[in-house]
Amino acid sequence: MNPPQRRPVVRAVTFEEVGDAIGRLIDLARSKTGQSRLVADFLLAWWNGEDNGHFPILHLCNVDAIIAEDMLTIMAHLAQEPTVYPDAWGYRDAMESLVVQWRLS
């Protein structure tokens, strides 16, 4: 069996691109749009899927393309880097507030 090869479909993303994507998604998850719950599900599954639930991949089809792109930017980063969470970009408090908003209320 050949070892896995890097594929161009997973493009390299910068730390800043990921931070920007997280910020946009957190803003959306805090809002009251029809897609806010799905975005919160994505972020909270990344934050702690065991406690906050998991994110069904099919939900990528249920959000606007630009939102899915932000999610995929984060996933691309996770595919190329060791395990990292939103607090690496300074979003710990924002993530904790999403837990309160979406899981404890």
C-alpha atoms as a PDB file:
ATOM      1  CA  MET A   1       0.000   0.000   0.000  1.00  0.00           C
ATOM      2  CA  ASN A   2       1.314   3.421  -0.943  1.00  0.00           C
ATOM      3  CA  PRO A   3       1.564   6.111   1.739  1.00  0.00           C
ATOM      4  CA  PRO A   4      -1.016   8.915   1.544  1.00  0.00           C
ATOM      5  CA  GLN A   5      -0.007  11.746  -0.753  1.00  0.00           C
ATOM      6  CA  ARG A   6      -0.813  15.421  -0.374  1.00  0.00           C
ATOM      7  CA  ARG A   7      -3.581  16.277  -2.797  1.00  0.00           C
ATOM      8  CA  PRO A   8      -4.204  19.671  -4.339  1.00  0.00           C
ATOM      9  CA  VAL A   9      -7.899  19.583  -3.408  1.00  0.00           C
ATOM     10  CA  VAL A  10      -6.880  20.375   0.181  1.00  0.00           C
ATOM     11  CA  ARG A  11      -5.231  23.719  -0.339  1.00  0.00           C
ATOM     12  CA  ALA A  12      -2.900  25.192   2.207  1.00  0.00           C
ATOM     13  CA  VAL A  13      -4.610  27.832   4.325  1.00  0.00           C
ATOM     14  CA  THR A  14      -2.949  30.403   6.507  1.00  0.00           C
ATOM     15  CA  PHE A  15      -3.448  30.874  10.213  1.00  0.00           C
ATOM     16  CA  GLU A  16      -4.994  34.265   9.435  1.00  0.00           C
ATOM     17  CA  GLU A  17      -7.464  32.828   6.905  1.00  0.00           C
ATOM     18  CA  VAL A  18      -8.641  30.329   9.490  1.00  0.00           C
ATOM     19  CA  GLY A  19      -8.964  33.015  12.155  1.00  0.00           C
ATOM     20  CA  ASP A  20     -11.042  35.151   9.798  1.00  0.00           C
ATOM     21  CA  ALA A  21     -13.273  32.177   8.963  1.00  0.00           C
ATOM     22  CA  ILE A  22     -13.776  31.387  12.645  1.00  0.00           C
ATOM     23  CA  GLY A  23     -14.704  34.995  13.370  1.00  0.00           C
ATOM     24  CA  ARG A  24     -17.289  35.073  10.595  1.00  0.00           C
ATOM     25  CA  LEU A  25     -18.775  31.756  11.702  1.00  0.00           C
ATOM     26  CA  ILE A  26     -18.953  32.810  15.347  1.00  0.00           C
ATOM     27  CA  ASP A  27     -20.745  36.015  14.353  1.00  0.00           C
ATOM     28  CA  LEU A  28     -23.236  33.964  12.351  1.00  0.00           C
ATOM     29  CA  ALA A  29     -23.712  31.394  15.133  1.00  0.00           C
ATOM     30  CA  ARG A  30     -24.523  34.224  17.566  1.00  0.00           C
ATOM     31  CA  SER A  31     -27.191  35.604  15.247  1.00  0.00           C
ATOM     32  CA  LYS A  32     -30.772  34.484  14.721  1.00  0.00           C
ATOM     33  CA  THR A  33     -30.674  33.344  11.094  1.00  0.00           C
ATOM     34  CA  GLY A  34     -31.930  30.020   9.808  1.00  0.00           C
ATOM     35  CA  GLN A  35     -28.356  28.792   9.416  1.00  0.00           C
ATOM     36  CA  SER A  36     -27.111  29.899  12.846  1.00  0.00           C
ATOM     37  CA  ARG A  37     -27.850  26.547  14.486  1.00  0.00           C
ATOM     38  CA  LEU A  38     -25.960  24.615  11.808  1.00  0.00           C
ATOM     39  CA  VAL A  39     -22.962  26.917  12.137  1.00  0.00           C
ATOM     40  CA  ALA A  40     -23.073  26.586  15.927  1.00  0.00           C
ATOM     41  CA  ASP A  41     -23.260  22.796  15.540  1.00  0.00           C
ATOM     42  CA  PHE A  42     -20.107  22.883  13.401  1.00  0.00           C
ATOM     43  CA  LEU A  43     -18.141  25.090  15.785  1.00  0.00           C
ATOM     44  CA  LEU A  44     -19.278  23.278  18.916  1.00  0.00           C
ATOM     45  CA  ALA A  45     -18.540  19.844  17.446  1.00  0.00           C
ATOM     46  CA  TRP A  46     -14.997  21.047  16.772  1.00  0.00           C
ATOM     47  CA  TRP A  47     -14.743  22.584  20.254  1.00  0.00           C
ATOM     48  CA  ASN A  48     -15.901  19.412  22.055  1.00  0.00           C
ATOM     49  CA  GLY A  49     -17.945  16.926  20.077  1.00  0.00           C
ATOM     50  CA  GLU A  50     -18.313  14.519  22.986  1.00  0.00           C
ATOM     51  CA  ASP A  51     -20.190  17.088  25.068  1.00  0.00           C
ATOM     52  CA  ASN A  52     -21.676  19.329  22.371  1.00  0.00           C
ATOM     53  CA  GLY A  53     -22.712  16.843  19.701  1.00  0.00           C
ATOM     54  CA  HIS A  54     -21.312  16.116  16.309  1.00  0.00           C
ATOM     55  CA  PHE A  55     -21.691  17.868  12.962  1.00  0.00           C
ATOM     56  CA  PRO A  56     -23.301  15.799  10.207  1.00  0.00           C
ATOM     57  CA  ILE A  57     -21.333  16.293   6.972  1.00  0.00           C
ATOM     58  CA  LEU A  58     -24.618  16.659   5.076  1.00  0.00           C
ATOM     59  CA  HIS A  59     -25.098  20.008   6.840  1.00  0.00           C
ATOM     60  CA  LEU A  60     -22.503  21.427   4.436  1.00  0.00           C
ATOM     61  CA  CYS A  61     -25.246  21.149   1.803  1.00  0.00           C
ATOM     62  CA  ASN A  62     -27.689  23.016   4.047  1.00  0.00           C
ATOM     63  CA  VAL A  63     -25.756  26.251   4.434  1.00  0.00           C
ATOM     64  CA  ASP A  64     -24.898  28.929   1.892  1.00  0.00           C
ATOM     65  CA  ALA A  65     -21.790  28.206  -0.185  1.00  0.00           C
ATOM     66  CA  ILE A  66     -19.794  31.020   1.426  1.00  0.00           C
ATOM     67  CA  ILE A  67     -20.525  29.602   4.889  1.00  0.00           C
ATOM     68  CA  ALA A  68     -19.555  26.096   3.754  1.00  0.00           C
ATOM     69  CA  GLU A  69     -16.320  27.558   2.379  1.00  0.00           C
ATOM     70  CA  ASP A  70     -15.458  28.990   5.799  1.00  0.00           C
ATOM     71  CA  MET A  71     -16.129  25.570   7.340  1.00  0.00           C
ATOM     72  CA  LEU A  72     -13.960  23.906   4.705  1.00  0.00           C
ATOM     73  CA  THR A  73     -11.183  26.434   5.340  1.00  0.00           C
ATOM     74  CA  ILE A  74     -11.126  25.317   8.961  1.00  0.00           C
ATOM     75  CA  MET A  75     -11.234  21.650   7.954  1.00  0.00           C
ATOM     76  CA  ALA A  76      -8.368  22.172   5.481  1.00  0.00           C
ATOM     77  CA  HIS A  77      -6.290  23.658   8.286  1.00  0.00           C
ATOM     78  CA  LEU A  78      -7.135  20.744  10.572  1.00  0.00           C
ATOM     79  CA  ALA A  79      -6.078  18.334   7.815  1.00  0.00           C
ATOM     80  CA  GLN A  80      -2.617  19.897   7.596  1.00  0.00           C
ATOM     81  CA  GLU A  81      -1.867  20.806  11.216  1.00  0.00           C
ATOM     82  CA  PRO A  82      -1.884  19.059  14.579  1.00  0.00           C
ATOM     83  CA  THR A  83      -5.041  19.279  16.646  1.00  0.00           C
ATOM     84  CA  VAL A  84      -5.904  22.893  17.322  1.00  0.00           C
ATOM     85  CA  TYR A  85      -9.009  24.599  18.673  1.00  0.00           C
ATOM     86  CA  PRO A  86     -10.568  28.081  18.299  1.00  0.00           C
ATOM     87  CA  ASP A  87      -8.841  29.357  21.416  1.00  0.00           C
ATOM     88  CA  ALA A  88      -5.556  29.329  19.430  1.00  0.00           C
ATOM     89  CA  TRP A  89      -7.026  32.377  17.655  1.00  0.00           C
ATOM     90  CA  GLY A  90      -8.313  33.964  20.864  1.00  0.00           C
ATOM     91  CA  TYR A  91     -11.897  32.710  20.593  1.00  0.00           C
ATOM     92  CA  ARG A  92     -12.155  30.789  23.877  1.00  0.00           C
ATOM     93  CA  ASP A  93     -14.668  33.182  25.452  1.00  0.00           C
ATOM     94  CA  ALA A  94     -16.734  33.297  22.254  1.00  0.00           C
ATOM     95  CA  MET A  95     -16.871  29.505  22.117  1.00  0.00           C
ATOM     96  CA  GLU A  96     -17.897  29.287  25.759  1.00  0.00           C
ATOM     97  CA  SER A  97     -20.691  31.782  25.077  1.00  0.00           C
ATOM     98  CA  LEU A  98     -21.887  29.609  22.167  1.00  0.00           C
ATOM     99  CA  VAL A  99     -22.087  26.639  24.536  1.00  0.00           C
ATOM    100  CA  VAL A 100     -24.306  28.701  26.829  1.00  0.00           C
ATOM    101  CA  GLN A 101     -26.415  30.013  23.928  1.00  0.00           C
ATOM    102  CA  TRP A 102     -26.906  26.732  22.059  1.00  0.00           C
ATOM    103  CA  ARG A 103     -26.413  23.911  24.545  1.00  0.00           C
ATOM    104  CA  LEU A 104     -27.350  25.171  27.994  1.00  0.00           C
ATOM    105  CA  SER A 105     -30.466  27.152  27.143  1.00  0.00           C
END
